[in-house]
Amino acid sequence: MKPTDLDRLVCAGVVDQQFRALLVRDPLHAVEEGFYGEEFHLTEEERMLLANIHTNDFDEWVREIARWILRQRGQELA
């Protein structure tokens, strides 16, 4: 399966502490800023998902994204 821009966004948060903090604090701003020249082209649904995640914990933030992805596939997070 080809990585999506949502996948790439999560990976950028994993590798960079400052970007991770921005993702949790203001994910849509993080998307607009990009990551070291990398751009993220998210769907409107993906943008809505990010706007509706309210947590201060990056791990929980990622779990919310994983749950959403699995729901899109008709699965659930164990």
PDB file of N, CA and C in Angstrom:
ATOM      1  N   MET A   1       0.837  -1.170   0.000  1.00  0.00           N
ATOM      2  CA  MET A   1       0.000   0.000   0.000  1.00  0.00           C
ATOM      3  C   MET A   1       0.892   1.246   0.000  1.00  0.00           C
ATOM      4  N   LYS A   2       0.543   2.181  -0.832  1.00  0.00           N
ATOM      5  CA  LYS A   2       1.305   3.426  -0.956  1.00  0.00           C
ATOM      6  C   LYS A   2       1.011   4.336   0.242  1.00  0.00           C
ATOM      7  N   PRO A   3       2.059   4.909   0.849  1.00  0.00           N
ATOM      8  CA  PRO A   3       1.820   5.831   1.969  1.00  0.00           C
ATOM      9  C   PRO A   3       1.034   7.061   1.510  1.00  0.00           C
ATOM     10  N   THR A   4       0.111   7.490   2.331  1.00  0.00           N
ATOM     11  CA  THR A   4      -0.659   8.698   2.029  1.00  0.00           C
ATOM     12  C   THR A   4       0.021   9.893   2.678  1.00  0.00           C
ATOM     13  N   ASP A   5      -0.436  11.073   2.339  1.00  0.00           N
ATOM     14  CA  ASP A   5       0.114  12.261   2.971  1.00  0.00           C
ATOM     15  C   ASP A   5      -0.211  12.282   4.460  1.00  0.00           C
ATOM     16  N   LEU A   6      -1.312  11.671   4.854  1.00  0.00           N
ATOM     17  CA  LEU A   6      -1.643  11.557   6.277  1.00  0.00           C
ATOM     18  C   LEU A   6      -0.605  10.683   6.980  1.00  0.00           C
ATOM     19  N   ASP A   7      -0.210   9.596   6.351  1.00  0.00           N
ATOM     20  CA  ASP A   7       0.855   8.736   6.891  1.00  0.00           C
ATOM     21  C   ASP A   7       2.161   9.524   7.026  1.00  0.00           C
ATOM     22  N   ARG A   8       2.498  10.264   5.998  1.00  0.00           N
ATOM     23  CA  ARG A   8       3.731  11.057   5.999  1.00  0.00           C
ATOM     24  C   ARG A   8       3.706  12.119   7.089  1.00  0.00           C
ATOM     25  N   LEU A   9       2.527  12.694   7.329  1.00  0.00           N
ATOM     26  CA  LEU A   9       2.374  13.695   8.373  1.00  0.00           C
ATOM     27  C   LEU A   9       2.675  13.091   9.745  1.00  0.00           C
ATOM     28  N   VAL A  10       2.127  11.915  10.009  1.00  0.00           N
ATOM     29  CA  VAL A  10       2.386  11.222  11.270  1.00  0.00           C
ATOM     30  C   VAL A  10       3.872  10.909  11.398  1.00  0.00           C
ATOM     31  N   CYS A  11       4.480  10.418  10.348  1.00  0.00           N
ATOM     32  CA  CYS A  11       5.914  10.094  10.384  1.00  0.00           C
ATOM     33  C   CYS A  11       6.760  11.329  10.681  1.00  0.00           C
ATOM     34  N   ALA A  12       6.398  12.451  10.111  1.00  0.00           N
ATOM     35  CA  ALA A  12       7.136  13.684  10.390  1.00  0.00           C
ATOM     36  C   ALA A  12       7.042  14.035  11.869  1.00  0.00           C
ATOM     37  N   GLY A  13       5.880  13.810  12.460  1.00  0.00           N
ATOM     38  CA  GLY A  13       5.723  14.054  13.885  1.00  0.00           C
ATOM     39  C   GLY A  13       6.541  13.107  14.736  1.00  0.00           C
ATOM     40  N   VAL A  14       6.724  11.907  14.273  1.00  0.00           N
ATOM     41  CA  VAL A  14       7.519  10.930  15.010  1.00  0.00           C
ATOM     42  C   VAL A  14       8.986  11.346  15.057  1.00  0.00           C
ATOM     43  N   VAL A  15       9.498  11.878  13.969  1.00  0.00           N
ATOM     44  CA  VAL A  15      10.940  12.142  13.887  1.00  0.00           C
ATOM     45  C   VAL A  15      11.367  13.529  14.355  1.00  0.00           C
ATOM     46  N   ASP A  16      10.423  14.447  14.553  1.00  0.00           N
ATOM     47  CA  ASP A  16      10.806  15.808  14.919  1.00  0.00           C
ATOM     48  C   ASP A  16       9.938  16.322  16.074  1.00  0.00           C
ATOM     49  N   GLN A  17      10.568  16.604  17.197  1.00  0.00           N
ATOM     50  CA  GLN A  17       9.857  17.006  18.408  1.00  0.00           C
ATOM     51  C   GLN A  17       9.086  18.316  18.226  1.00  0.00           C
ATOM     52  N   GLN A  18       9.677  19.302  17.574  1.00  0.00           N
ATOM     53  CA  GLN A  18       8.994  20.582  17.365  1.00  0.00           C
ATOM     54  C   GLN A  18       7.773  20.419  16.474  1.00  0.00           C
ATOM     55  N   PHE A  19       7.930  19.659  15.393  1.00  0.00           N
ATOM     56  CA  PHE A  19       6.805  19.443  14.485  1.00  0.00           C
ATOM     57  C   PHE A  19       5.713  18.648  15.193  1.00  0.00           C
ATOM     58  N   ARG A  20       6.109  17.666  15.999  1.00  0.00           N
ATOM     59  CA  ARG A  20       5.159  16.863  16.775  1.00  0.00           C
ATOM     60  C   ARG A  20       4.324  17.771  17.687  1.00  0.00           C
ATOM     61  N   ALA A  21       4.984  18.696  18.388  1.00  0.00           N
ATOM     62  CA  ALA A  21       4.267  19.611  19.276  1.00  0.00           C
ATOM     63  C   ALA A  21       3.285  20.482  18.498  1.00  0.00           C
ATOM     64  N   LEU A  22       3.702  20.943  17.318  1.00  0.00           N
ATOM     65  CA  LEU A  22       2.815  21.749  16.482  1.00  0.00           C
ATOM     66  C   LEU A  22       1.633  20.924  15.992  1.00  0.00           C
ATOM     67  N   LEU A  23       1.863  19.681  15.623  1.00  0.00           N
ATOM     68  CA  LEU A  23       0.766  18.815  15.176  1.00  0.00           C
ATOM     69  C   LEU A  23      -0.305  18.680  16.247  1.00  0.00           C
ATOM     70  N   VAL A  24       0.130  18.492  17.478  1.00  0.00           N
ATOM     71  CA  VAL A  24      -0.833  18.314  18.571  1.00  0.00           C
ATOM     72  C   VAL A  24      -1.533  19.638  18.883  1.00  0.00           C
ATOM     73  N   ARG A  25      -0.791  20.723  18.861  1.00  0.00           N
ATOM     74  CA  ARG A  25      -1.332  22.036  19.213  1.00  0.00           C
ATOM     75  C   ARG A  25      -2.217  22.623  18.101  1.00  0.00           C
ATOM     76  N   ASP A  26      -1.750  22.525  16.861  1.00  0.00           N
ATOM     77  CA  ASP A  26      -2.457  23.160  15.740  1.00  0.00           C
ATOM     78  C   ASP A  26      -2.167  22.388  14.453  1.00  0.00           C
ATOM     79  N   PRO A  27      -2.809  21.235  14.291  1.00  0.00           N
ATOM     80  CA  PRO A  27      -2.469  20.356  13.160  1.00  0.00           C
ATOM     81  C   PRO A  27      -2.668  20.981  11.784  1.00  0.00           C
ATOM     82  N   LEU A  28      -3.694  21.789  11.619  1.00  0.00           N
ATOM     83  CA  LEU A  28      -3.910  22.385  10.297  1.00  0.00           C
ATOM     84  C   LEU A  28      -2.814  23.398   9.965  1.00  0.00           C
ATOM     85  N   HIS A  29      -2.329  24.096  10.969  1.00  0.00           N
ATOM     86  CA  HIS A  29      -1.203  25.009  10.749  1.00  0.00           C
ATOM     87  C   HIS A  29       0.050  24.201  10.376  1.00  0.00           C
ATOM     88  N   ALA A  30       0.253  23.079  11.054  1.00  0.00           N
ATOM     89  CA  ALA A  30       1.401  22.214  10.740  1.00  0.00           C
ATOM     90  C   ALA A  30       1.340  21.747   9.286  1.00  0.00           C
ATOM     91  N   VAL A  31       0.152  21.390   8.831  1.00  0.00           N
ATOM     92  CA  VAL A  31      -0.023  20.956   7.443  1.00  0.00           C
ATOM     93  C   VAL A  31       0.339  22.090   6.493  1.00  0.00           C
ATOM     94  N   GLU A  32      -0.124  23.290   6.802  1.00  0.00           N
ATOM     95  CA  GLU A  32       0.157  24.441   5.936  1.00  0.00           C
ATOM     96  C   GLU A  32       1.642  24.798   5.937  1.00  0.00           C
ATOM     97  N   GLU A  33       2.292  24.679   7.088  1.00  0.00           N
ATOM     98  CA  GLU A  33       3.724  24.982   7.201  1.00  0.00           C
ATOM     99  C   GLU A  33       4.578  23.986   6.430  1.00  0.00           C
ATOM    100  N   GLY A  34       4.139  22.726   6.425  1.00  0.00           N
ATOM    101  CA  GLY A  34       4.931  21.678   5.804  1.00  0.00           C
ATOM    102  C   GLY A  34       6.066  21.252   6.723  1.00  0.00           C
ATOM    103  N   PHE A  35       6.897  20.373   6.233  1.00  0.00           N
ATOM    104  CA  PHE A  35       7.975  19.812   7.044  1.00  0.00           C
ATOM    105  C   PHE A  35       9.249  19.787   6.216  1.00  0.00           C
ATOM    106  N   TYR A  36      10.150  20.720   6.496  1.00  0.00           N
ATOM    107  CA  TYR A  36      11.429  20.811   5.783  1.00  0.00           C
ATOM    108  C   TYR A  36      11.249  20.718   4.263  1.00  0.00           C
ATOM    109  N   GLY A  37      10.313  21.511   3.772  1.00  0.00           N
ATOM    110  CA  GLY A  37      10.080  21.551   2.335  1.00  0.00           C
ATOM    111  C   GLY A  37       9.070  20.532   1.830  1.00  0.00           C
ATOM    112  N   GLU A  38       8.703  19.595   2.669  1.00  0.00           N
ATOM    113  CA  GLU A  38       7.695  18.601   2.288  1.00  0.00           C
ATOM    114  C   GLU A  38       6.308  19.215   2.432  1.00  0.00           C
ATOM    115  N   GLU A  39       5.476  19.005   1.446  1.00  0.00           N
ATOM    116  CA  GLU A  39       4.100  19.491   1.492  1.00  0.00           C
ATOM    117  C   GLU A  39       3.160  18.318   1.741  1.00  0.00           C
ATOM    118  N   PHE A  40       2.056  18.613   2.392  1.00  0.00           N
ATOM    119  CA  PHE A  40       1.048  17.597   2.681  1.00  0.00           C
ATOM    120  C   PHE A  40      -0.248  18.014   2.000  1.00  0.00           C
ATOM    121  N   HIS A  41      -0.750  17.157   1.145  1.00  0.00           N
ATOM    122  CA  HIS A  41      -1.975  17.429   0.402  1.00  0.00           C
ATOM    123  C   HIS A  41      -3.056  16.502   0.960  1.00  0.00           C
ATOM    124  N   LEU A  42      -3.816  17.031   1.908  1.00  0.00           N
ATOM    125  CA  LEU A  42      -4.833  16.223   2.571  1.00  0.00           C
ATOM    126  C   LEU A  42      -6.197  16.464   1.949  1.00  0.00           C
ATOM    127  N   THR A  43      -7.037  15.446   2.036  1.00  0.00           N
ATOM    128  CA  THR A  43      -8.417  15.590   1.579  1.00  0.00           C
ATOM    129  C   THR A  43      -9.172  16.448   2.592  1.00  0.00           C
ATOM    130  N   GLU A  44     -10.330  16.918   2.213  1.00  0.00           N
ATOM    131  CA  GLU A  44     -11.166  17.689   3.138  1.00  0.00           C
ATOM    132  C   GLU A  44     -11.556  16.827   4.346  1.00  0.00           C
ATOM    133  N   GLU A  45     -11.815  15.551   4.114  1.00  0.00           N
ATOM    134  CA  GLU A  45     -12.129  14.639   5.233  1.00  0.00           C
ATOM    135  C   GLU A  45     -10.958  14.528   6.201  1.00  0.00           C
ATOM    136  N   GLU A  46      -9.758  14.422   5.671  1.00  0.00           N
ATOM    137  CA  GLU A  46      -8.570  14.327   6.519  1.00  0.00           C
ATOM    138  C   GLU A  46      -8.354  15.617   7.304  1.00  0.00           C
ATOM    139  N   ARG A  47      -8.601  16.749   6.666  1.00  0.00           N
ATOM    140  CA  ARG A  47      -8.480  18.031   7.365  1.00  0.00           C
ATOM    141  C   ARG A  47      -9.516  18.134   8.488  1.00  0.00           C
ATOM    142  N   MET A  48     -10.719  17.682   8.228  1.00  0.00           N
ATOM    143  CA  MET A  48     -11.759  17.693   9.262  1.00  0.00           C
ATOM    144  C   MET A  48     -11.365  16.783  10.428  1.00  0.00           C
ATOM    145  N   LEU A  49     -10.803  15.628  10.111  1.00  0.00           N
ATOM    146  CA  LEU A  49     -10.327  14.724  11.150  1.00  0.00           C
ATOM    147  C   LEU A  49      -9.329  15.446  12.049  1.00  0.00           C
ATOM    148  N   LEU A  50      -8.326  16.067  11.459  1.00  0.00           N
ATOM    149  CA  LEU A  50      -7.298  16.747  12.246  1.00  0.00           C
ATOM    150  C   LEU A  50      -7.887  17.869  13.091  1.00  0.00           C
ATOM    151  N   ALA A  51      -8.832  18.607  12.522  1.00  0.00           N
ATOM    152  CA  ALA A  51      -9.451  19.721  13.244  1.00  0.00           C
ATOM    153  C   ALA A  51     -10.255  19.240  14.450  1.00  0.00           C
ATOM    154  N   ASN A  52     -10.673  17.988  14.419  1.00  0.00           N
ATOM    155  CA  ASN A  52     -11.532  17.468  15.484  1.00  0.00           C
ATOM    156  C   ASN A  52     -10.819  16.575  16.483  1.00  0.00           C
ATOM    157  N   ILE A  53      -9.510  16.492  16.411  1.00  0.00           N
ATOM    158  CA  ILE A  53      -8.758  15.741  17.420  1.00  0.00           C
ATOM    159  C   ILE A  53      -8.345  16.733  18.496  1.00  0.00           C
ATOM    160  N   HIS A  54      -8.785  16.468  19.719  1.00  0.00           N
ATOM    161  CA  HIS A  54      -8.502  17.367  20.831  1.00  0.00           C
ATOM    162  C   HIS A  54      -7.784  16.610  21.930  1.00  0.00           C
ATOM    163  N   THR A  55      -6.470  16.648  21.878  1.00  0.00           N
ATOM    164  CA  THR A  55      -5.632  15.998  22.879  1.00  0.00           C
ATOM    165  C   THR A  55      -4.296  16.726  22.939  1.00  0.00           C
ATOM    166  N   ASN A  56      -3.614  16.598  24.056  1.00  0.00           N
ATOM    167  CA  ASN A  56      -2.276  17.162  24.188  1.00  0.00           C
ATOM    168  C   ASN A  56      -1.211  16.089  24.084  1.00  0.00           C
ATOM    169  N   ASP A  57      -1.626  14.868  23.804  1.00  0.00           N
ATOM    170  CA  ASP A  57      -0.724  13.721  23.780  1.00  0.00           C
ATOM    171  C   ASP A  57      -0.572  13.202  22.349  1.00  0.00           C
ATOM    172  N   PHE A  58       0.657  13.207  21.847  1.00  0.00           N
ATOM    173  CA  PHE A  58       0.893  12.777  20.468  1.00  0.00           C
ATOM    174  C   PHE A  58       0.472  11.326  20.239  1.00  0.00           C
ATOM    175  N   ASP A  59       0.744  10.446  21.203  1.00  0.00           N
ATOM    176  CA  ASP A  59       0.350   9.043  21.036  1.00  0.00           C
ATOM    177  C   ASP A  59      -1.156   8.910  20.868  1.00  0.00           C
ATOM    178  N   GLU A  60      -1.914   9.647  21.653  1.00  0.00           N
ATOM    179  CA  GLU A  60      -3.376   9.619  21.522  1.00  0.00           C
ATOM    180  C   GLU A  60      -3.800  10.234  20.196  1.00  0.00           C
ATOM    181  N   TRP A  61      -3.105  11.271  19.780  1.00  0.00           N
ATOM    182  CA  TRP A  61      -3.389  11.925  18.504  1.00  0.00           C
ATOM    183  C   TRP A  61      -3.246  10.912  17.359  1.00  0.00           C
ATOM    184  N   VAL A  62      -2.161  10.127  17.406  1.00  0.00           N
ATOM    185  CA  VAL A  62      -1.926   9.106  16.380  1.00  0.00           C
ATOM    186  C   VAL A  62      -2.985   8.007  16.462  1.00  0.00           C
ATOM    187  N   ARG A  63      -3.364   7.608  17.675  1.00  0.00           N
ATOM    188  CA  ARG A  63      -4.419   6.586  17.815  1.00  0.00           C
ATOM    189  C   ARG A  63      -5.730   7.044  17.190  1.00  0.00           C
ATOM    190  N   GLU A  64      -6.062   8.317  17.365  1.00  0.00           N
ATOM    191  CA  GLU A  64      -7.288   8.849  16.756  1.00  0.00           C
ATOM    192  C   GLU A  64      -7.226   8.741  15.230  1.00  0.00           C
ATOM    193  N   ILE A  65      -6.076   9.035  14.669  1.00  0.00           N
ATOM    194  CA  ILE A  65      -5.908   8.916  13.222  1.00  0.00           C
ATOM    195  C   ILE A  65      -6.011   7.453  12.803  1.00  0.00           C
ATOM    196  N   ALA A  66      -5.377   6.561  13.555  1.00  0.00           N
ATOM    197  CA  ALA A  66      -5.434   5.125  13.240  1.00  0.00           C
ATOM    198  C   ALA A  66      -6.866   4.615  13.303  1.00  0.00           C
ATOM    199  N   ARG A  67      -7.613   5.035  14.322  1.00  0.00           N
ATOM    200  CA  ARG A  67      -9.030   4.622  14.426  1.00  0.00           C
ATOM    201  C   ARG A  67      -9.816   5.087  13.211  1.00  0.00           C
ATOM    202  N   TRP A  68      -9.586   6.330  12.798  1.00  0.00           N
ATOM    203  CA  TRP A  68     -10.295   6.884  11.649  1.00  0.00           C
ATOM    204  C   TRP A  68      -9.967   6.090  10.386  1.00  0.00           C
ATOM    205  N   ILE A  69      -8.678   5.806  10.179  1.00  0.00           N
ATOM    206  CA  ILE A  69      -8.262   5.048   8.997  1.00  0.00           C
ATOM    207  C   ILE A  69      -8.926   3.668   8.996  1.00  0.00           C
ATOM    208  N   LEU A  70      -8.905   3.003  10.126  1.00  0.00           N
ATOM    209  CA  LEU A  70      -9.513   1.668  10.206  1.00  0.00           C
ATOM    210  C   LEU A  70     -11.013   1.731   9.972  1.00  0.00           C
ATOM    211  N   ARG A  71     -11.694   2.755  10.509  1.00  0.00           N
ATOM    212  CA  ARG A  71     -13.130   2.899  10.255  1.00  0.00           C
ATOM    213  C   ARG A  71     -13.392   3.079   8.759  1.00  0.00           C
ATOM    214  N   GLN A  72     -12.507   3.816   8.086  1.00  0.00           N
ATOM    215  CA  GLN A  72     -12.651   3.991   6.642  1.00  0.00           C
ATOM    216  C   GLN A  72     -12.568   2.670   5.903  1.00  0.00           C
ATOM    217  N   ARG A  73     -11.823   1.739   6.485  1.00  0.00           N
ATOM    218  CA  ARG A  73     -11.644   0.401   5.894  1.00  0.00           C
ATOM    219  C   ARG A  73     -12.656  -0.606   6.426  1.00  0.00           C
ATOM    220  N   GLY A  74     -13.524  -0.174   7.327  1.00  0.00           N
ATOM    221  CA  GLY A  74     -14.511  -1.078   7.902  1.00  0.00           C
ATOM    222  C   GLY A  74     -13.927  -1.980   8.973  1.00  0.00           C
ATOM    223  N   GLN A  75     -12.854  -1.550   9.614  1.00  0.00           N
ATOM    224  CA  GLN A  75     -12.211  -2.321  10.671  1.00  0.00           C
ATOM    225  C   GLN A  75     -12.229  -1.526  11.955  1.00  0.00           C
ATOM    226  N   GLU A  76     -11.731  -2.139  13.035  1.00  0.00           N
ATOM    227  CA  GLU A  76     -11.632  -1.446  14.314  1.00  0.00           C
ATOM    228  C   GLU A  76     -10.252  -1.659  14.909  1.00  0.00           C
ATOM    229  N   LEU A  77      -9.822  -0.692  15.722  1.00  0.00           N
ATOM    230  CA  LEU A  77      -8.543  -0.772  16.425  1.00  0.00           C
ATOM    231  C   LEU A  77      -8.709  -1.701  17.611  1.00  0.00           C
ATOM    232  N   ALA A  78      -7.803  -2.681  17.712  1.00  0.00           N
ATOM    233  CA  ALA A  78      -7.880  -3.659  18.806  1.00  0.00           C
ATOM    234  C   ALA A  78      -7.415  -3.065  20.098  1.00  0.00           C
TER     235      ALA A  78
END
